[in-house]
Amino acid sequence: MVEHLKKKAARASKKAGLLTGGLLAVITGIAFLSWAAWFYLSLLTDPMTASVIIGAAYVGIGLVMIGMAVMSSGDSRDHLAEHDEQVKAAQPSSDNPPLMQAFMFGMEAGLSAHRR
């Protein structure tokens, strides 16, 4: 049991380290690309316009990512699938009293009617 926990902790720490390193590399790359884009745009236009263009691009990307997060968190299919698993786990068995079986049947019928 302890060995399993040690291996799981080692895998989690390795994953966290790799994700941190990757995130640092991405942030560094974004910083250099932003600087290069600002420098290029400032050659084509004035520095204020270059800053506005780059700022607007980051705000747009951020809003799209927020929208994607909001849309994915409201996904009811995952919730329904999770609830279906719970209902199947609590299916009435022969050792349940008849009142409990009737209650579980009613709950399942209500859930299936709600999905429609």
PDB file of N, CA and C in Angstrom:
ATOM      1  N   MET A   1       0.816  -1.187   0.000  1.00  0.00           N
ATOM      2  CA  MET A   1       0.000   0.000   0.000  1.00  0.00           C
ATOM      3  C   MET A   1       0.865   1.258   0.000  1.00  0.00           C
ATOM      4  N   VAL A   2       1.896   1.263   0.823  1.00  0.00           N
ATOM      5  CA  VAL A   2       2.776   2.420   0.910  1.00  0.00           C
ATOM      6  C   VAL A   2       3.566   2.589  -0.387  1.00  0.00           C
ATOM      7  N   GLU A   3       4.000   1.484  -0.950  1.00  0.00           N
ATOM      8  CA  GLU A   3       4.747   1.530  -2.212  1.00  0.00           C
ATOM      9  C   GLU A   3       3.886   2.139  -3.325  1.00  0.00           C
ATOM     10  N   HIS A   4       2.608   1.750  -3.344  1.00  0.00           N
ATOM     11  CA  HIS A   4       1.692   2.286  -4.345  1.00  0.00           C
ATOM     12  C   HIS A   4       1.561   3.798  -4.195  1.00  0.00           C
ATOM     13  N   LEU A   5       1.452   4.254  -2.952  1.00  0.00           N
ATOM     14  CA  LEU A   5       1.350   5.696  -2.708  1.00  0.00           C
ATOM     15  C   LEU A   5       2.637   6.424  -3.085  1.00  0.00           C
ATOM     16  N   LYS A   6       3.781   5.795  -2.818  1.00  0.00           N
ATOM     17  CA  LYS A   6       5.062   6.403  -3.184  1.00  0.00           C
ATOM     18  C   LYS A   6       5.185   6.542  -4.699  1.00  0.00           C
ATOM     19  N   LYS A   7       4.791   5.479  -5.416  1.00  0.00           N
ATOM     20  CA  LYS A   7       4.863   5.535  -6.880  1.00  0.00           C
ATOM     21  C   LYS A   7       3.906   6.578  -7.437  1.00  0.00           C
ATOM     22  N   LYS A   8       2.719   6.655  -6.851  1.00  0.00           N
ATOM     23  CA  LYS A   8       1.732   7.634  -7.302  1.00  0.00           C
ATOM     24  C   LYS A   8       2.233   9.057  -7.045  1.00  0.00           C
ATOM     25  N   ALA A   9       2.855   9.292  -5.895  1.00  0.00           N
ATOM     26  CA  ALA A   9       3.407  10.605  -5.569  1.00  0.00           C
ATOM     27  C   ALA A   9       4.561  10.957  -6.503  1.00  0.00           C
ATOM     28  N   ALA A  10       5.385   9.966  -6.832  1.00  0.00           N
ATOM     29  CA  ALA A  10       6.510  10.208  -7.733  1.00  0.00           C
ATOM     30  C   ALA A  10       6.007  10.582  -9.128  1.00  0.00           C
ATOM     31  N   ARG A  11       4.971   9.863  -9.602  1.00  0.00           N
ATOM     32  CA  ARG A  11       4.395  10.193 -10.909  1.00  0.00           C
ATOM     33  C   ARG A  11       3.779  11.588 -10.906  1.00  0.00           C
ATOM     34  N   ALA A  12       3.092  11.918  -9.827  1.00  0.00           N
ATOM     35  CA  ALA A  12       2.453  13.238  -9.735  1.00  0.00           C
ATOM     36  C   ALA A  12       3.499  14.346  -9.699  1.00  0.00           C
ATOM     37  N   SER A  13       4.586  14.142  -8.963  1.00  0.00           N
ATOM     38  CA  SER A  13       5.621  15.174  -8.899  1.00  0.00           C
ATOM     39  C   SER A  13       6.350  15.308 -10.232  1.00  0.00           C
ATOM     40  N   LYS A  14       6.549  14.190 -10.930  1.00  0.00           N
ATOM     41  CA  LYS A  14       7.185  14.254 -12.247  1.00  0.00           C
ATOM     42  C   LYS A  14       6.284  15.011 -13.220  1.00  0.00           C
ATOM     43  N   LYS A  15       4.997  14.723 -13.175  1.00  0.00           N
ATOM     44  CA  LYS A  15       4.048  15.405 -14.050  1.00  0.00           C
ATOM     45  C   LYS A  15       3.997  16.890 -13.733  1.00  0.00           C
ATOM     46  N   ALA A  16       3.985  17.228 -12.449  1.00  0.00           N
ATOM     47  CA  ALA A  16       3.956  18.641 -12.049  1.00  0.00           C
ATOM     48  C   ALA A  16       5.223  19.359 -12.509  1.00  0.00           C
ATOM     49  N   GLY A  17       6.363  18.697 -12.381  1.00  0.00           N
ATOM     50  CA  GLY A  17       7.618  19.297 -12.826  1.00  0.00           C
ATOM     51  C   GLY A  17       7.638  19.534 -14.327  1.00  0.00           C
ATOM     52  N   LEU A  18       7.190  18.554 -15.082  1.00  0.00           N
ATOM     53  CA  LEU A  18       7.163  18.704 -16.540  1.00  0.00           C
ATOM     54  C   LEU A  18       6.175  19.796 -16.965  1.00  0.00           C
ATOM     55  N   LEU A  19       5.008  19.836 -16.314  1.00  0.00           N
ATOM     56  CA  LEU A  19       4.038  20.872 -16.642  1.00  0.00           C
ATOM     57  C   LEU A  19       4.570  22.262 -16.292  1.00  0.00           C
ATOM     58  N   THR A  20       5.251  22.385 -15.168  1.00  0.00           N
ATOM     59  CA  THR A  20       5.830  23.669 -14.775  1.00  0.00           C
ATOM     60  C   THR A  20       6.905  24.102 -15.768  1.00  0.00           C
ATOM     61  N   GLY A  21       7.765  23.172 -16.142  1.00  0.00           N
ATOM     62  CA  GLY A  21       8.797  23.500 -17.134  1.00  0.00           C
ATOM     63  C   GLY A  21       8.203  23.890 -18.475  1.00  0.00           C
ATOM     64  N   GLY A  22       7.186  23.156 -18.900  1.00  0.00           N
ATOM     65  CA  GLY A  22       6.528  23.491 -20.168  1.00  0.00           C
ATOM     66  C   GLY A  22       5.847  24.841 -20.109  1.00  0.00           C
ATOM     67  N   LEU A  23       5.190  25.130 -18.993  1.00  0.00           N
ATOM     68  CA  LEU A  23       4.522  26.417 -18.837  1.00  0.00           C
ATOM     69  C   LEU A  23       5.526  27.553 -18.829  1.00  0.00           C
ATOM     70  N   LEU A  24       6.658  27.357 -18.177  1.00  0.00           N
ATOM     71  CA  LEU A  24       7.703  28.390 -18.184  1.00  0.00           C
ATOM     72  C   LEU A  24       8.224  28.632 -19.604  1.00  0.00           C
ATOM     73  N   ALA A  25       8.432  27.569 -20.356  1.00  0.00           N
ATOM     74  CA  ALA A  25       8.906  27.719 -21.731  1.00  0.00           C
ATOM     75  C   ALA A  25       7.883  28.446 -22.594  1.00  0.00           C
ATOM     76  N   VAL A  26       6.596  28.126 -22.414  1.00  0.00           N
ATOM     77  CA  VAL A  26       5.546  28.788 -23.191  1.00  0.00           C
ATOM     78  C   VAL A  26       5.475  30.269 -22.832  1.00  0.00           C
ATOM     79  N   ILE A  27       5.557  30.589 -21.548  1.00  0.00           N
ATOM     80  CA  ILE A  27       5.496  31.995 -21.123  1.00  0.00           C
ATOM     81  C   ILE A  27       6.690  32.764 -21.673  1.00  0.00           C
ATOM     82  N   THR A  28       7.871  32.155 -21.642  1.00  0.00           N
ATOM     83  CA  THR A  28       9.052  32.809 -22.201  1.00  0.00           C
ATOM     84  C   THR A  28       8.885  33.022 -23.706  1.00  0.00           C
ATOM     85  N   GLY A  29       8.362  32.020 -24.401  1.00  0.00           N
ATOM     86  CA  GLY A  29       8.130  32.153 -25.836  1.00  0.00           C
ATOM     87  C   GLY A  29       7.116  33.237 -26.152  1.00  0.00           C
ATOM     88  N   ILE A  30       6.044  33.315 -25.360  1.00  0.00           N
ATOM     89  CA  ILE A  30       5.036  34.357 -25.576  1.00  0.00           C
ATOM     90  C   ILE A  30       5.647  35.740 -25.357  1.00  0.00           C
ATOM     91  N   ALA A  31       6.523  35.851 -24.344  1.00  0.00           N
ATOM     92  CA  ALA A  31       7.171  37.139 -24.083  1.00  0.00           C
ATOM     93  C   ALA A  31       8.038  37.565 -25.270  1.00  0.00           C
ATOM     94  N   PHE A  32       8.840  36.650 -25.798  1.00  0.00           N
ATOM     95  CA  PHE A  32       9.689  36.990 -26.941  1.00  0.00           C
ATOM     96  C   PHE A  32       8.860  37.276 -28.198  1.00  0.00           C
ATOM     97  N   LEU A  33       7.823  36.482 -28.423  1.00  0.00           N
ATOM     98  CA  LEU A  33       6.973  36.731 -29.591  1.00  0.00           C
ATOM     99  C   LEU A  33       6.225  38.058 -29.469  1.00  0.00           C
ATOM    100  N   SER A  34       5.811  38.402 -28.271  1.00  0.00           N
ATOM    101  CA  SER A  34       5.147  39.694 -28.060  1.00  0.00           C
ATOM    102  C   SER A  34       6.104  40.839 -28.333  1.00  0.00           C
ATOM    103  N   TRP A  35       7.325  40.696 -27.842  1.00  0.00           N
ATOM    104  CA  TRP A  35       8.318  41.738 -28.086  1.00  0.00           C
ATOM    105  C   TRP A  35       8.608  41.868 -29.585  1.00  0.00           C
ATOM    106  N   ALA A  36       8.751  40.745 -30.264  1.00  0.00           N
ATOM    107  CA  ALA A  36       9.030  40.784 -31.699  1.00  0.00           C
ATOM    108  C   ALA A  36       7.852  41.380 -32.463  1.00  0.00           C
ATOM    109  N   ALA A  37       6.632  41.031 -32.075  1.00  0.00           N
ATOM    110  CA  ALA A  37       5.463  41.599 -32.746  1.00  0.00           C
ATOM    111  C   ALA A  37       5.375  43.095 -32.493  1.00  0.00           C
ATOM    112  N   TRP A  38       5.653  43.515 -31.265  1.00  0.00           N
ATOM    113  CA  TRP A  38       5.611  44.947 -30.962  1.00  0.00           C
ATOM    114  C   TRP A  38       6.675  45.686 -31.758  1.00  0.00           C
ATOM    115  N   PHE A  39       7.869  45.109 -31.820  1.00  0.00           N
ATOM    116  CA  PHE A  39       8.955  45.752 -32.562  1.00  0.00           C
ATOM    117  C   PHE A  39       8.597  45.875 -34.049  1.00  0.00           C
ATOM    118  N   TYR A  40       8.056  44.814 -34.629  1.00  0.00           N
ATOM    119  CA  TYR A  40       7.673  44.832 -36.038  1.00  0.00           C
ATOM    120  C   TYR A  40       6.551  45.838 -36.291  1.00  0.00           C
ATOM    121  N   LEU A  41       5.545  45.810 -35.439  1.00  0.00           N
ATOM    122  CA  LEU A  41       4.428  46.746 -35.624  1.00  0.00           C
ATOM    123  C   LEU A  41       4.842  48.192 -35.389  1.00  0.00           C
ATOM    124  N   SER A  42       5.793  48.396 -34.486  1.00  0.00           N
ATOM    125  CA  SER A  42       6.246  49.768 -34.255  1.00  0.00           C
ATOM    126  C   SER A  42       7.061  50.293 -35.432  1.00  0.00           C
ATOM    127  N   LEU A  43       7.659  49.396 -36.219  1.00  0.00           N
ATOM    128  CA  LEU A  43       8.339  49.828 -37.439  1.00  0.00           C
ATOM    129  C   LEU A  43       7.321  50.219 -38.512  1.00  0.00           C
ATOM    130  N   LEU A  44       6.184  49.494 -38.557  1.00  0.00           N
ATOM    131  CA  LEU A  44       5.150  49.782 -39.545  1.00  0.00           C
ATOM    132  C   LEU A  44       4.283  50.975 -39.134  1.00  0.00           C
ATOM    133  N   THR A  45       4.008  51.103 -37.843  1.00  0.00           N
ATOM    134  CA  THR A  45       3.163  52.175 -37.318  1.00  0.00           C
ATOM    135  C   THR A  45       3.902  52.835 -36.162  1.00  0.00           C
ATOM    136  N   ASP A  46       3.198  53.655 -35.401  1.00  0.00           N
ATOM    137  CA  ASP A  46       3.840  54.235 -34.220  1.00  0.00           C
ATOM    138  C   ASP A  46       3.737  53.262 -33.039  1.00  0.00           C
ATOM    139  N   PRO A  47       4.552  53.464 -32.013  1.00  0.00           N
ATOM    140  CA  PRO A  47       4.547  52.521 -30.880  1.00  0.00           C
ATOM    141  C   PRO A  47       3.199  52.409 -30.160  1.00  0.00           C
ATOM    142  N   MET A  48       2.430  53.488 -30.102  1.00  0.00           N
ATOM    143  CA  MET A  48       1.134  53.439 -29.421  1.00  0.00           C
ATOM    144  C   MET A  48       0.183  52.491 -30.152  1.00  0.00           C
ATOM    145  N   THR A  49       0.149  52.576 -31.470  1.00  0.00           N
ATOM    146  CA  THR A  49      -0.715  51.699 -32.258  1.00  0.00           C
ATOM    147  C   THR A  49      -0.273  50.250 -32.123  1.00  0.00           C
ATOM    148  N   ALA A  50       1.024  50.009 -32.106  1.00  0.00           N
ATOM    149  CA  ALA A  50       1.537  48.648 -31.932  1.00  0.00           C
ATOM    150  C   ALA A  50       1.098  48.083 -30.583  1.00  0.00           C
ATOM    151  N   SER A  51       1.167  48.908 -29.541  1.00  0.00           N
ATOM    152  CA  SER A  51       0.748  48.456 -28.215  1.00  0.00           C
ATOM    153  C   SER A  51      -0.741  48.156 -28.175  1.00  0.00           C
ATOM    154  N   VAL A  52      -1.544  48.976 -28.832  1.00  0.00           N
ATOM    155  CA  VAL A  52      -2.988  48.755 -28.858  1.00  0.00           C
ATOM    156  C   VAL A  52      -3.317  47.457 -29.599  1.00  0.00           C
ATOM    157  N   ILE A  53      -2.649  47.205 -30.706  1.00  0.00           N
ATOM    158  CA  ILE A  53      -2.909  45.989 -31.483  1.00  0.00           C
ATOM    159  C   ILE A  53      -2.555  44.748 -30.673  1.00  0.00           C
ATOM    160  N   ILE A  54      -1.389  44.744 -30.044  1.00  0.00           N
ATOM    161  CA  ILE A  54      -0.971  43.576 -29.268  1.00  0.00           C
ATOM    162  C   ILE A  54      -1.865  43.396 -28.047  1.00  0.00           C
ATOM    163  N   GLY A  55      -2.214  44.489 -27.372  1.00  0.00           N
ATOM    164  CA  GLY A  55      -3.111  44.398 -26.220  1.00  0.00           C
ATOM    165  C   GLY A  55      -4.476  43.862 -26.608  1.00  0.00           C
ATOM    166  N   ALA A  56      -5.001  44.337 -27.741  1.00  0.00           N
ATOM    167  CA  ALA A  56      -6.304  43.858 -28.215  1.00  0.00           C
ATOM    168  C   ALA A  56      -6.238  42.376 -28.574  1.00  0.00           C
ATOM    169  N   ALA A  57      -5.125  41.938 -29.136  1.00  0.00           N
ATOM    170  CA  ALA A  57      -4.979  40.517 -29.467  1.00  0.00           C
ATOM    171  C   ALA A  57      -5.000  39.660 -28.197  1.00  0.00           C
ATOM    172  N   TYR A  58      -4.285  40.095 -27.153  1.00  0.00           N
ATOM    173  CA  TYR A  58      -4.286  39.339 -25.899  1.00  0.00           C
ATOM    174  C   TYR A  58      -5.656  39.347 -25.236  1.00  0.00           C
ATOM    175  N   VAL A  59      -6.342  40.471 -25.255  1.00  0.00           N
ATOM    176  CA  VAL A  59      -7.687  40.525 -24.673  1.00  0.00           C
ATOM    177  C   VAL A  59      -8.625  39.594 -25.444  1.00  0.00           C
ATOM    178  N   GLY A  60      -8.523  39.595 -26.776  1.00  0.00           N
ATOM    179  CA  GLY A  60      -9.356  38.709 -27.587  1.00  0.00           C
ATOM    180  C   GLY A  60      -9.097  37.249 -27.290  1.00  0.00           C
ATOM    181  N   ILE A  61      -7.833  36.882 -27.201  1.00  0.00           N
ATOM    182  CA  ILE A  61      -7.484  35.496 -26.884  1.00  0.00           C
ATOM    183  C   ILE A  61      -7.990  35.125 -25.492  1.00  0.00           C
ATOM    184  N   GLY A  62      -7.838  36.041 -24.539  1.00  0.00           N
ATOM    185  CA  GLY A  62      -8.310  35.788 -23.182  1.00  0.00           C
ATOM    186  C   GLY A  62      -9.813  35.617 -23.126  1.00  0.00           C
ATOM    187  N   LEU A  63     -10.563  36.450 -23.862  1.00  0.00           N
ATOM    188  CA  LEU A  63     -12.011  36.332 -23.869  1.00  0.00           C
ATOM    189  C   LEU A  63     -12.469  35.021 -24.508  1.00  0.00           C
ATOM    190  N   VAL A  64     -11.796  34.610 -25.559  1.00  0.00           N
ATOM    191  CA  VAL A  64     -12.131  33.328 -26.193  1.00  0.00           C
ATOM    192  C   VAL A  64     -11.882  32.182 -25.213  1.00  0.00           C
ATOM    193  N   MET A  65     -10.766  32.233 -24.482  1.00  0.00           N
ATOM    194  CA  MET A  65     -10.457  31.170 -23.520  1.00  0.00           C
ATOM    195  C   MET A  65     -11.460  31.161 -22.365  1.00  0.00           C
ATOM    196  N   ILE A  66     -11.865  32.340 -21.900  1.00  0.00           N
ATOM    197  CA  ILE A  66     -12.882  32.412 -20.845  1.00  0.00           C
ATOM    198  C   ILE A  66     -14.196  31.841 -21.353  1.00  0.00           C
ATOM    199  N   GLY A  67     -14.565  32.182 -22.581  1.00  0.00           N
ATOM    200  CA  GLY A  67     -15.792  31.649 -23.162  1.00  0.00           C
ATOM    201  C   GLY A  67     -15.752  30.142 -23.278  1.00  0.00           C
ATOM    202  N   MET A  68     -14.614  29.599 -23.686  1.00  0.00           N
ATOM    203  CA  MET A  68     -14.479  28.150 -23.792  1.00  0.00           C
ATOM    204  C   MET A  68     -14.592  27.495 -22.418  1.00  0.00           C
ATOM    205  N   ALA A  69     -14.015  28.125 -21.404  1.00  0.00           N
ATOM    206  CA  ALA A  69     -14.087  27.569 -20.049  1.00  0.00           C
ATOM    207  C   ALA A  69     -15.518  27.591 -19.533  1.00  0.00           C
ATOM    208  N   VAL A  70     -16.230  28.665 -19.793  1.00  0.00           N
ATOM    209  CA  VAL A  70     -17.612  28.769 -19.329  1.00  0.00           C
ATOM    210  C   VAL A  70     -18.488  27.752 -20.044  1.00  0.00           C
ATOM    211  N   MET A  71     -18.287  27.607 -21.340  1.00  0.00           N
ATOM    212  CA  MET A  71     -19.096  26.660 -22.107  1.00  0.00           C
ATOM    213  C   MET A  71     -18.798  25.221 -21.685  1.00  0.00           C
ATOM    214  N   SER A  72     -17.552  24.901 -21.396  1.00  0.00           N
ATOM    215  CA  SER A  72     -17.218  23.521 -21.042  1.00  0.00           C
ATOM    216  C   SER A  72     -17.646  23.189 -19.625  1.00  0.00           C
ATOM    217  N   SER A  73     -17.691  24.168 -18.729  1.00  0.00           N
ATOM    218  CA  SER A  73     -18.084  23.861 -17.352  1.00  0.00           C
ATOM    219  C   SER A  73     -19.574  23.607 -17.242  1.00  0.00           C
ATOM    220  N   GLY A  74     -20.354  24.100 -18.181  1.00  0.00           N
ATOM    221  CA  GLY A  74     -21.795  23.895 -18.146  1.00  0.00           C
ATOM    222  C   GLY A  74     -22.241  22.690 -18.943  1.00  0.00           C
ATOM    223  N   ASP A  75     -21.308  21.825 -19.291  1.00  0.00           N
ATOM    224  CA  ASP A  75     -21.638  20.659 -20.099  1.00  0.00           C
ATOM    225  C   ASP A  75     -22.440  19.677 -19.264  1.00  0.00           C
ATOM    226  N   SER A  76     -23.704  19.529 -19.598  1.00  0.00           N
ATOM    227  CA  SER A  76     -24.583  18.684 -18.793  1.00  0.00           C
ATOM    228  C   SER A  76     -24.411  17.206 -19.129  1.00  0.00           C
ATOM    229  N   ARG A  77     -23.799  16.899 -20.249  1.00  0.00           N
ATOM    230  CA  ARG A  77     -23.632  15.488 -20.602  1.00  0.00           C
ATOM    231  C   ARG A  77     -22.746  14.770 -19.593  1.00  0.00           C
ATOM    232  N   ASP A  78     -21.667  15.441 -19.151  1.00  0.00           N
ATOM    233  CA  ASP A  78     -20.793  14.822 -18.163  1.00  0.00           C
ATOM    234  C   ASP A  78     -21.542  14.611 -16.855  1.00  0.00           C
ATOM    235  N   HIS A  79     -22.334  15.592 -16.478  1.00  0.00           N
ATOM    236  CA  HIS A  79     -23.102  15.489 -15.245  1.00  0.00           C
ATOM    237  C   HIS A  79     -24.117  14.357 -15.336  1.00  0.00           C
ATOM    238  N   LEU A  80     -24.794  14.252 -16.476  1.00  0.00           N
ATOM    239  CA  LEU A  80     -25.790  13.190 -16.638  1.00  0.00           C
ATOM    240  C   LEU A  80     -25.136  11.814 -16.651  1.00  0.00           C
ATOM    241  N   ALA A  81     -23.975  11.706 -17.298  1.00  0.00           N
ATOM    242  CA  ALA A  81     -23.279  10.420 -17.332  1.00  0.00           C
ATOM    243  C   ALA A  81     -22.844  10.016 -15.927  1.00  0.00           C
ATOM    244  N   GLU A  82     -22.364  10.978 -15.160  1.00  0.00           N
ATOM    245  CA  GLU A  82     -21.961  10.697 -13.785  1.00  0.00           C
ATOM    246  C   GLU A  82     -23.160  10.277 -12.943  1.00  0.00           C
ATOM    247  N   HIS A  83     -24.279  10.960 -13.165  1.00  0.00           N
ATOM    248  CA  HIS A  83     -25.480  10.639 -12.404  1.00  0.00           C
ATOM    249  C   HIS A  83     -26.025   9.267 -12.808  1.00  0.00           C
ATOM    250  N   ASP A  84     -25.939   8.942 -14.100  1.00  0.00           N
ATOM    251  CA  ASP A  84     -26.377   7.616 -14.550  1.00  0.00           C
ATOM    252  C   ASP A  84     -25.581   6.510 -13.870  1.00  0.00           C
ATOM    253  N   GLU A  85     -24.270   6.736 -13.718  1.00  0.00           N
ATOM    254  CA  GLU A  85     -23.440   5.739 -13.047  1.00  0.00           C
ATOM    255  C   GLU A  85     -23.872   5.571 -11.593  1.00  0.00           C
ATOM    256  N   GLN A  86     -24.206   6.687 -10.940  1.00  0.00           N
ATOM    257  CA  GLN A  86     -24.657   6.608  -9.553  1.00  0.00           C
ATOM    258  C   GLN A  86     -25.986   5.861  -9.457  1.00  0.00           C
ATOM    259  N   VAL A  87     -26.873   6.122 -10.424  1.00  0.00           N
ATOM    260  CA  VAL A  87     -28.172   5.449 -10.406  1.00  0.00           C
ATOM    261  C   VAL A  87     -27.999   3.955 -10.638  1.00  0.00           C
ATOM    262  N   LYS A  88     -27.117   3.591 -11.579  1.00  0.00           N
ATOM    263  CA  LYS A  88     -26.892   2.175 -11.843  1.00  0.00           C
ATOM    264  C   LYS A  88     -26.277   1.476 -10.633  1.00  0.00           C
ATOM    265  N   ALA A  89     -25.421   2.206  -9.918  1.00  0.00           N
ATOM    266  CA  ALA A  89     -24.815   1.617  -8.721  1.00  0.00           C
ATOM    267  C   ALA A  89     -25.856   1.408  -7.626  1.00  0.00           C
ATOM    268  N   ALA A  90     -26.901   2.223  -7.647  1.00  0.00           N
ATOM    269  CA  ALA A  90     -27.926   2.129  -6.608  1.00  0.00           C
ATOM    270  C   ALA A  90     -29.177   1.431  -7.114  1.00  0.00           C
ATOM    271  N   GLN A  91     -29.037   0.588  -8.132  1.00  0.00           N
ATOM    272  CA  GLN A  91     -30.183  -0.146  -8.654  1.00  0.00           C
ATOM    273  C   GLN A  91     -30.769  -1.018  -7.558  1.00  0.00           C
ATOM    274  N   PRO A  92     -32.072  -1.146  -7.539  1.00  0.00           N
ATOM    275  CA  PRO A  92     -32.681  -1.968  -6.495  1.00  0.00           C
ATOM    276  C   PRO A  92     -32.269  -3.429  -6.642  1.00  0.00           C
ATOM    277  N   SER A  93     -31.969  -4.018  -5.519  1.00  0.00           N
ATOM    278  CA  SER A  93     -31.632  -5.436  -5.528  1.00  0.00           C
ATOM    279  C   SER A  93     -32.737  -6.199  -4.821  1.00  0.00           C
ATOM    280  N   SER A  94     -32.604  -7.486  -4.821  1.00  0.00           N
ATOM    281  CA  SER A  94     -33.663  -8.317  -4.251  1.00  0.00           C
ATOM    282  C   SER A  94     -33.750  -8.164  -2.737  1.00  0.00           C
ATOM    283  N   ASP A  95     -32.668  -7.700  -2.077  1.00  0.00           N
ATOM    284  CA  ASP A  95     -32.722  -7.567  -0.632  1.00  0.00           C
ATOM    285  C   ASP A  95     -33.284  -6.220  -0.183  1.00  0.00           C
ATOM    286  N   ASN A  96     -33.580  -5.305  -1.135  1.00  0.00           N
ATOM    287  CA  ASN A  96     -34.214  -4.043  -0.787  1.00  0.00           C
ATOM    288  C   ASN A  96     -35.702  -4.253  -0.521  1.00  0.00           C
ATOM    289  N   PRO A  97     -36.254  -3.529   0.442  1.00  0.00           N
ATOM    290  CA  PRO A  97     -37.694  -3.650   0.685  1.00  0.00           C
ATOM    291  C   PRO A  97     -38.485  -3.089  -0.497  1.00  0.00           C
ATOM    292  N   PRO A  98     -39.728  -3.497  -0.679  1.00  0.00           N
ATOM    293  CA  PRO A  98     -40.523  -3.045  -1.817  1.00  0.00           C
ATOM    294  C   PRO A  98     -40.680  -1.523  -1.869  1.00  0.00           C
ATOM    295  N   LEU A  99     -40.757  -0.867  -0.727  1.00  0.00           N
ATOM    296  CA  LEU A  99     -40.895   0.586  -0.715  1.00  0.00           C
ATOM    297  C   LEU A  99     -39.648   1.241  -1.309  1.00  0.00           C
ATOM    298  N   MET A 100     -38.481   0.723  -0.977  1.00  0.00           N
ATOM    299  CA  MET A 100     -37.231   1.251  -1.512  1.00  0.00           C
ATOM    300  C   MET A 100     -37.151   1.005  -3.018  1.00  0.00           C
ATOM    301  N   GLN A 101     -37.591  -0.142  -3.489  1.00  0.00           N
ATOM    302  CA  GLN A 101     -37.583  -0.422  -4.919  1.00  0.00           C
ATOM    303  C   GLN A 101     -38.506   0.532  -5.654  1.00  0.00           C
ATOM    304  N   ALA A 102     -39.661   0.815  -5.069  1.00  0.00           N
ATOM    305  CA  ALA A 102     -40.596   1.745  -5.702  1.00  0.00           C
ATOM    306  C   ALA A 102     -40.003   3.151  -5.747  1.00  0.00           C
ATOM    307  N   PHE A 103     -39.316   3.539  -4.685  1.00  0.00           N
ATOM    308  CA  PHE A 103     -38.690   4.852  -4.650  1.00  0.00           C
ATOM    309  C   PHE A 103     -37.614   4.968  -5.726  1.00  0.00           C
ATOM    310  N   MET A 104     -36.753   3.954  -5.836  1.00  0.00           N
ATOM    311  CA  MET A 104     -35.680   3.974  -6.836  1.00  0.00           C
ATOM    312  C   MET A 104     -36.259   3.964  -8.249  1.00  0.00           C
ATOM    313  N   PHE A 105     -37.335   3.213  -8.478  1.00  0.00           N
ATOM    314  CA  PHE A 105     -37.984   3.198  -9.785  1.00  0.00           C
ATOM    315  C   PHE A 105     -38.517   4.593 -10.128  1.00  0.00           C
ATOM    316  N   GLY A 106     -39.131   5.253  -9.161  1.00  0.00           N
ATOM    317  CA  GLY A 106     -39.648   6.606  -9.380  1.00  0.00           C
ATOM    318  C   GLY A 106     -38.542   7.602  -9.664  1.00  0.00           C
ATOM    319  N   MET A 107     -37.439   7.508  -8.945  1.00  0.00           N
ATOM    320  CA  MET A 107     -36.299   8.404  -9.176  1.00  0.00           C
ATOM    321  C   MET A 107     -35.740   8.212 -10.583  1.00  0.00           C
ATOM    322  N   GLU A 108     -35.589   6.967 -10.991  1.00  0.00           N
ATOM    323  CA  GLU A 108     -35.062   6.685 -12.320  1.00  0.00           C
ATOM    324  C   GLU A 108     -36.023   7.182 -13.398  1.00  0.00           C
ATOM    325  N   ALA A 109     -37.318   6.994 -13.204  1.00  0.00           N
ATOM    326  CA  ALA A 109     -38.307   7.473 -14.184  1.00  0.00           C
ATOM    327  C   ALA A 109     -38.283   8.997 -14.251  1.00  0.00           C
ATOM    328  N   GLY A 110     -38.163   9.645 -13.126  1.00  0.00           N
ATOM    329  CA  GLY A 110     -38.091  11.102 -13.118  1.00  0.00           C
ATOM    330  C   GLY A 110     -36.861  11.632 -13.826  1.00  0.00           C
ATOM    331  N   LEU A 111     -35.724  10.995 -13.612  1.00  0.00           N
ATOM    332  CA  LEU A 111     -34.497  11.408 -14.272  1.00  0.00           C
ATOM    333  C   LEU A 111     -34.567  11.200 -15.780  1.00  0.00           C
ATOM    334  N   SER A 112     -35.140  10.077 -16.203  1.00  0.00           N
ATOM    335  CA  SER A 112     -35.220   9.831 -17.637  1.00  0.00           C
ATOM    336  C   SER A 112     -36.208  10.796 -18.292  1.00  0.00           C
ATOM    337  N   ALA A 113     -37.260  11.182 -17.570  1.00  0.00           N
ATOM    338  CA  ALA A 113     -38.199  12.163 -18.112  1.00  0.00           C
ATOM    339  C   ALA A 113     -37.555  13.535 -18.172  1.00  0.00           C
ATOM    340  N   HIS A 114     -36.703  13.843 -17.204  1.00  0.00           N
ATOM    341  CA  HIS A 114     -36.015  15.131 -17.188  1.00  0.00           C
ATOM    342  C   HIS A 114     -35.040  15.259 -18.347  1.00  0.00           C
ATOM    343  N   ARG A 115     -34.384  14.159 -18.727  1.00  0.00           N
ATOM    344  CA  ARG A 115     -33.431  14.186 -19.840  1.00  0.00           C
ATOM    345  C   ARG A 115     -34.114  14.439 -21.180  1.00  0.00           C
ATOM    346  N   ARG A 116     -35.361  14.004 -21.320  1.00  0.00           N
ATOM    347  CA  ARG A 116     -36.078  14.187 -22.571  1.00  0.00           C
ATOM    348  C   ARG A 116     -36.443  15.630 -22.701  1.00  0.00           C
TER     349      ARG A 116
END
